[in-house]
Amino acid sequence: MGKHLQAGELNIWTEQVGEGPDVLLIGGLGDTVESWQFQLDGLADSYRLTAFDNRGAGRTAKPDGPVSIEMLADDAAAVLKGHGIASAHVAGFSGGSVIAQELALRHPEMVRSLVLQGTWTVMDTYLRTWALFMRWLVEVAPSERAFHEGHFLFTYTPRAYNDGTVQRIIDSLIAFPHKQSTEDIQAFIDAFIDHETTNRLPGLKVPTLVLAGSKDLISRPNLCQAVADNIPGSIFEVFEGEAHQPFQEIPEVWNSRVMAFWHNVEDGE
């Protein structure tokens, strides 16, 4: 069962399952706790997993005003503090991976390790153009379904479209009662446009696994590689034939790889 945690003016929706070493899961654009369902179901036998809705997504309302990555990272820290967690393995995907980077930079004592799926240090021209495209697409798309069908062309593989996976995801999103407003989606995008961690990442001293999909059109492997290159001792791996969200398309493979990484961190390897 989920619950709200009060963090200043923010009332953050969180859910926690499982037993074992603590893991914090951070989602991306418009993504809620439900985006991590395969991990909440598949990893709870070995870990205590905490997931939450970012401000302006799902059941966490966004106060008036702009959003920053620093603000979102402090929200993640507040989730850990609210649950009495001193430190955790932190996993984030897409925008959530950038928030995870910032969390480690701002609150290093709270981050036991990092798993960064589909990440970047700074948006290049291609990624920034895609983000701006998403910003206006959400406003002009003829329907909620049309927006998701277009957006997910960049997120999932053709396989997931052709086997019905994407349509099932879209059906669940349309049925979801806690929808993100257009303005909140745009505020989230705006926070990432000019954010950069490149020159600060070399100061991180945390075990890090950077994962990319070879077919990811959003955070392409070269962008993920740049993150790995800037974090001392990090591991960089590519899932061949996968897109932006392999943790949903091939969850057993993804979970297995991440568990092996966490196991090595716990053993001090």
Protein backbone atom coordinates (compact mmCIF):
# COMPACT_ATOMS: atom_id res chain seq x y z
CA MET A 1 0.00 0.00 0.00
CA GLY A 2 1.17 3.49 -0.79
CA LYS A 3 1.09 6.61 1.33
CA HIS A 4 1.83 10.32 1.12
CA LEU A 5 4.91 11.77 2.83
CA GLN A 6 4.93 15.45 3.76
CA ALA A 7 8.13 17.21 2.68
CA GLY A 8 7.80 20.93 3.21
CA GLU A 9 5.05 22.15 0.91
CA LEU A 10 5.08 18.90 -1.04
CA ASN A 11 2.97 15.83 -0.34
CA ILE A 12 4.88 12.99 -2.07
CA TRP A 13 3.16 9.73 -2.98
CA THR A 14 5.38 6.75 -2.17
CA GLU A 15 5.07 2.98 -2.22
CA GLN A 16 7.35 0.48 -0.53
CA VAL A 17 7.58 -3.30 -0.92
CA GLY A 18 9.92 -6.12 -0.01
CA GLU A 19 12.63 -6.80 2.53
CA GLY A 20 16.40 -6.49 2.34
CA PRO A 21 18.87 -3.75 1.37
CA ASP A 22 17.14 -0.50 0.46
CA VAL A 23 16.58 0.54 -3.15
CA LEU A 24 15.13 3.86 -4.33
CA LEU A 25 13.52 3.94 -7.80
CA ILE A 26 13.22 7.27 -9.65
CA GLY A 27 11.03 7.62 -12.75
CA GLY A 28 11.18 9.95 -15.72
CA LEU A 29 8.80 12.22 -17.63
CA GLY A 30 5.25 11.74 -16.36
CA ASP A 31 6.10 8.34 -14.94
CA THR A 32 4.64 7.18 -11.65
CA VAL A 33 5.25 4.31 -9.25
CA GLU A 34 3.50 2.01 -11.72
CA SER A 35 6.29 2.39 -14.28
CA TRP A 36 8.47 0.27 -11.98
CA GLN A 37 5.93 -2.53 -11.52
CA PHE A 38 8.19 -5.25 -12.95
CA GLN A 39 10.86 -4.29 -10.43
CA LEU A 40 8.46 -3.93 -7.50
CA ASP A 41 7.17 -7.42 -8.32
CA GLY A 42 10.43 -9.03 -9.39
CA LEU A 43 12.94 -7.74 -6.83
CA ALA A 44 10.92 -7.61 -3.60
CA ASP A 45 12.15 -11.02 -2.47
CA SER A 46 15.67 -9.64 -2.13
CA TYR A 47 15.35 -5.89 -1.58
CA ARG A 48 13.17 -3.30 0.10
CA LEU A 49 12.12 -1.09 -2.80
CA THR A 50 10.77 2.43 -2.47
CA ALA A 51 9.22 4.20 -5.46
CA PHE A 52 7.47 7.55 -5.67
CA ASP A 53 5.65 9.95 -7.97
CA ASN A 54 7.77 12.99 -8.87
CA ARG A 55 6.24 16.39 -8.20
CA GLY A 56 3.60 17.10 -10.83
CA ALA A 57 3.17 13.42 -11.74
CA GLY A 58 0.49 11.02 -10.57
CA ARG A 59 -0.53 11.53 -6.95
CA THR A 60 2.14 14.12 -6.11
CA ALA A 61 0.81 17.59 -6.86
CA LYS A 62 3.22 20.28 -8.08
CA PRO A 63 3.19 23.56 -6.18
CA ASP A 64 3.05 26.72 -8.29
CA GLY A 65 6.28 27.79 -9.92
CA PRO A 66 9.05 26.25 -12.02
CA VAL A 67 10.70 22.89 -11.45
CA SER A 68 14.45 22.26 -11.24
CA ILE A 69 16.51 19.07 -11.16
CA GLU A 70 17.96 20.19 -7.83
CA MET A 71 14.42 20.44 -6.48
CA LEU A 72 13.54 16.98 -7.78
CA ALA A 73 16.73 15.51 -6.28
CA ASP A 74 15.88 17.04 -2.91
CA ASP A 75 12.41 15.49 -3.22
CA ALA A 76 14.06 12.09 -3.65
CA ALA A 77 16.20 12.73 -0.58
CA ALA A 78 13.05 13.67 1.33
CA VAL A 79 11.49 10.33 0.37
CA LEU A 80 14.46 8.49 1.85
CA LYS A 81 14.40 10.60 5.00
CA GLY A 82 10.65 10.21 5.34
CA HIS A 83 11.03 6.44 5.33
CA GLY A 84 13.94 6.56 7.77
CA ILE A 85 16.42 5.31 5.17
CA ALA A 86 19.97 6.53 5.73
CA SER A 87 21.25 5.34 2.34
CA ALA A 88 20.02 3.25 -0.58
CA HIS A 89 20.93 1.81 -3.93
CA VAL A 90 19.40 4.33 -6.34
CA ALA A 91 18.09 3.44 -9.81
CA GLY A 92 16.66 5.95 -12.26
CA PHE A 93 15.66 5.91 -15.90
CA SER A 94 15.62 8.75 -18.43
CA GLY A 95 14.90 11.99 -16.56
CA GLY A 96 14.93 9.95 -13.37
CA SER A 97 18.53 8.97 -14.06
CA VAL A 98 19.50 12.64 -14.22
CA ILE A 99 17.66 13.23 -10.95
CA ALA A 100 19.60 10.28 -9.52
CA GLN A 101 22.89 11.87 -10.62
CA GLU A 102 21.91 15.11 -8.90
CA LEU A 103 20.82 13.24 -5.77
CA ALA A 104 24.26 11.62 -5.56
CA LEU A 105 25.95 14.99 -6.09
CA ARG A 106 23.83 16.86 -3.52
CA HIS A 107 23.37 14.07 -0.95
CA PRO A 108 26.27 11.63 -1.47
CA GLU A 109 25.87 10.07 1.95
CA MET A 110 22.40 8.85 0.97
CA VAL A 111 23.47 6.97 -2.19
CA ARG A 112 24.95 3.49 -1.80
CA SER A 113 25.18 2.94 -5.57
CA LEU A 114 23.73 4.24 -8.83
CA VAL A 115 22.01 2.45 -11.70
CA LEU A 116 21.43 4.89 -14.55
CA GLN A 117 19.27 3.65 -17.44
CA GLY A 118 19.06 5.80 -20.56
CA THR A 119 20.95 8.78 -19.16
CA TRP A 120 22.94 11.85 -20.18
CA THR A 121 25.16 14.58 -18.70
CA VAL A 122 23.71 17.33 -20.89
CA MET A 123 21.24 17.38 -23.76
CA ASP A 124 22.90 17.58 -27.16
CA THR A 125 21.11 19.31 -30.03
CA TYR A 126 19.25 16.15 -31.05
CA LEU A 127 17.99 15.36 -27.54
CA ARG A 128 17.04 18.97 -26.87
CA THR A 129 15.11 19.07 -30.13
CA TRP A 130 13.27 15.90 -29.11
CA ALA A 131 12.44 17.40 -25.71
CA LEU A 132 11.05 20.56 -27.29
CA PHE A 133 9.06 18.40 -29.70
CA MET A 134 7.52 16.55 -26.74
CA ARG A 135 6.80 19.90 -25.11
CA TRP A 136 4.56 21.07 -27.94
CA LEU A 137 3.26 17.61 -28.91
CA VAL A 138 1.51 17.21 -25.56
CA GLU A 139 -0.31 20.49 -26.23
CA VAL A 140 -1.38 19.90 -29.84
CA ALA A 141 -1.91 16.12 -30.04
CA PRO A 142 -5.54 15.42 -31.03
CA SER A 143 -6.04 13.03 -28.11
CA GLU A 144 -4.32 11.53 -25.09
CA ARG A 145 -3.98 8.25 -26.99
CA ALA A 146 -2.43 10.00 -29.98
CA PHE A 147 0.13 11.71 -27.74
CA HIS A 148 1.19 8.43 -26.17
CA GLU A 149 1.30 6.62 -29.51
CA GLY A 150 3.64 9.29 -30.86
CA HIS A 151 5.73 9.70 -27.73
CA PHE A 152 6.29 5.96 -27.34
CA LEU A 153 7.74 5.65 -30.85
CA PHE A 154 10.92 6.93 -29.21
CA THR A 155 10.48 4.93 -25.98
CA TYR A 156 9.76 1.34 -27.01
CA THR A 157 10.96 -1.04 -29.72
CA PRO A 158 8.93 -1.88 -32.85
CA ARG A 159 8.58 -5.31 -31.23
CA ALA A 160 6.60 -3.77 -28.36
CA TYR A 161 4.27 -2.00 -30.80
CA ASN A 162 3.74 -5.08 -32.93
CA ASP A 163 3.08 -7.53 -30.09
CA GLY A 164 0.53 -5.28 -28.41
CA THR A 165 2.66 -4.28 -25.42
CA VAL A 166 2.49 -0.57 -26.19
CA GLN A 167 -1.25 -0.59 -26.67
CA ARG A 168 -1.69 -2.30 -23.31
CA ILE A 169 0.52 0.32 -21.66
CA ILE A 170 -1.46 3.12 -23.30
CA ASP A 171 -4.77 1.56 -22.23
CA SER A 172 -3.55 1.51 -18.62
CA LEU A 173 -2.39 5.12 -18.83
CA ILE A 174 -5.72 6.29 -20.21
CA ALA A 175 -7.53 4.44 -17.42
CA PHE A 176 -5.19 5.88 -14.76
CA PRO A 177 -7.17 8.37 -12.65
CA HIS A 178 -4.26 10.62 -11.61
CA LYS A 179 -3.25 12.20 -14.90
CA GLN A 180 -0.45 14.72 -15.32
CA SER A 181 -1.51 18.09 -16.68
CA THR A 182 -0.02 19.53 -19.85
CA GLU A 183 1.51 22.35 -17.83
CA ASP A 184 3.17 19.94 -15.40
CA ILE A 185 4.62 17.86 -18.24
CA GLN A 186 6.04 21.01 -19.81
CA ALA A 187 7.48 22.20 -16.48
CA PHE A 188 9.22 18.83 -16.07
CA ILE A 189 10.71 19.06 -19.58
CA ASP A 190 11.83 22.64 -19.00
CA ALA A 191 13.83 21.54 -15.96
CA PHE A 192 16.05 19.32 -18.10
CA ILE A 193 16.68 21.51 -21.15
CA ASP A 194 19.79 23.29 -19.87
CA HIS A 195 20.73 21.12 -16.90
CA GLU A 196 24.27 19.73 -16.97
CA THR A 197 26.33 17.49 -14.68
CA THR A 198 29.40 16.91 -16.89
CA ASN A 199 31.99 18.81 -14.85
CA ARG A 200 30.68 17.61 -11.49
CA LEU A 201 30.41 13.87 -12.12
CA PRO A 202 34.15 13.19 -11.73
CA GLY A 203 33.72 14.05 -8.05
CA LEU A 204 31.35 11.15 -7.44
CA LYS A 205 32.71 8.26 -5.41
CA VAL A 206 29.84 5.83 -5.71
CA PRO A 207 29.65 2.48 -7.54
CA THR A 208 27.77 3.15 -10.77
CA LEU A 209 26.24 1.00 -13.50
CA VAL A 210 25.26 2.89 -16.66
CA LEU A 211 22.90 1.01 -18.99
CA ALA A 212 21.88 1.88 -22.55
CA GLY A 213 19.67 0.39 -25.22
CA SER A 214 21.39 0.07 -28.58
CA LYS A 215 18.16 1.23 -30.29
CA ASP A 216 17.41 4.06 -27.85
CA LEU A 217 16.60 7.17 -29.89
CA ILE A 218 16.25 9.43 -26.84
CA SER A 219 19.33 8.89 -24.67
CA ARG A 220 21.49 7.25 -27.28
CA PRO A 221 24.38 4.99 -26.22
CA ASN A 222 26.98 7.70 -26.83
CA LEU A 223 25.19 9.97 -24.34
CA CYS A 224 25.11 7.18 -21.76
CA GLN A 225 28.77 6.43 -22.44
CA ALA A 226 29.63 10.06 -21.67
CA VAL A 227 28.07 9.67 -18.21
CA ALA A 228 30.07 6.51 -17.56
CA ASP A 229 33.26 8.17 -18.79
CA ASN A 230 32.81 10.98 -16.27
CA ILE A 231 32.12 8.83 -13.18
CA PRO A 232 35.31 7.18 -11.93
CA GLY A 233 35.18 3.39 -11.91
CA SER A 234 31.72 3.16 -13.45
CA ILE A 235 30.51 0.24 -15.57
CA PHE A 236 28.91 0.84 -18.97
CA GLU A 237 26.83 -1.79 -20.76
CA VAL A 238 24.49 -1.85 -23.75
CA PHE A 239 21.40 -4.00 -24.20
CA GLU A 240 21.56 -4.94 -27.87
CA GLY A 241 18.31 -4.46 -29.78
CA GLU A 242 16.60 -2.63 -26.92
CA ALA A 243 15.23 0.89 -26.74
CA HIS A 244 14.74 3.44 -23.96
CA GLN A 245 13.03 1.25 -21.35
CA PRO A 246 14.40 -2.30 -21.30
CA PHE A 247 13.47 -2.57 -17.63
CA GLN A 248 9.88 -2.85 -18.91
CA GLU A 249 10.44 -4.76 -22.17
CA ILE A 250 12.93 -7.33 -20.86
CA PRO A 251 12.44 -7.02 -17.09
CA GLU A 252 13.88 -10.41 -16.15
CA VAL A 253 17.13 -9.66 -17.98
CA TRP A 254 17.29 -6.13 -16.59
CA ASN A 255 16.48 -7.20 -13.04
CA SER A 256 19.07 -9.95 -13.13
CA ARG A 257 21.83 -7.60 -14.28
CA VAL A 258 20.98 -4.96 -11.71
CA MET A 259 20.74 -7.51 -8.90
CA ALA A 260 24.20 -8.83 -9.79
CA PHE A 261 25.56 -5.28 -9.62
CA TRP A 262 23.95 -4.61 -6.24
CA HIS A 263 25.21 -7.94 -4.94
CA ASN A 264 28.77 -6.99 -5.89
CA VAL A 265 28.39 -3.59 -4.22
CA GLU A 266 27.11 -5.23 -1.03
CA ASP A 267 30.08 -7.62 -1.10
CA GLY A 268 32.48 -4.72 -1.60
CA GLU A 269 33.70 -5.88 -4.98
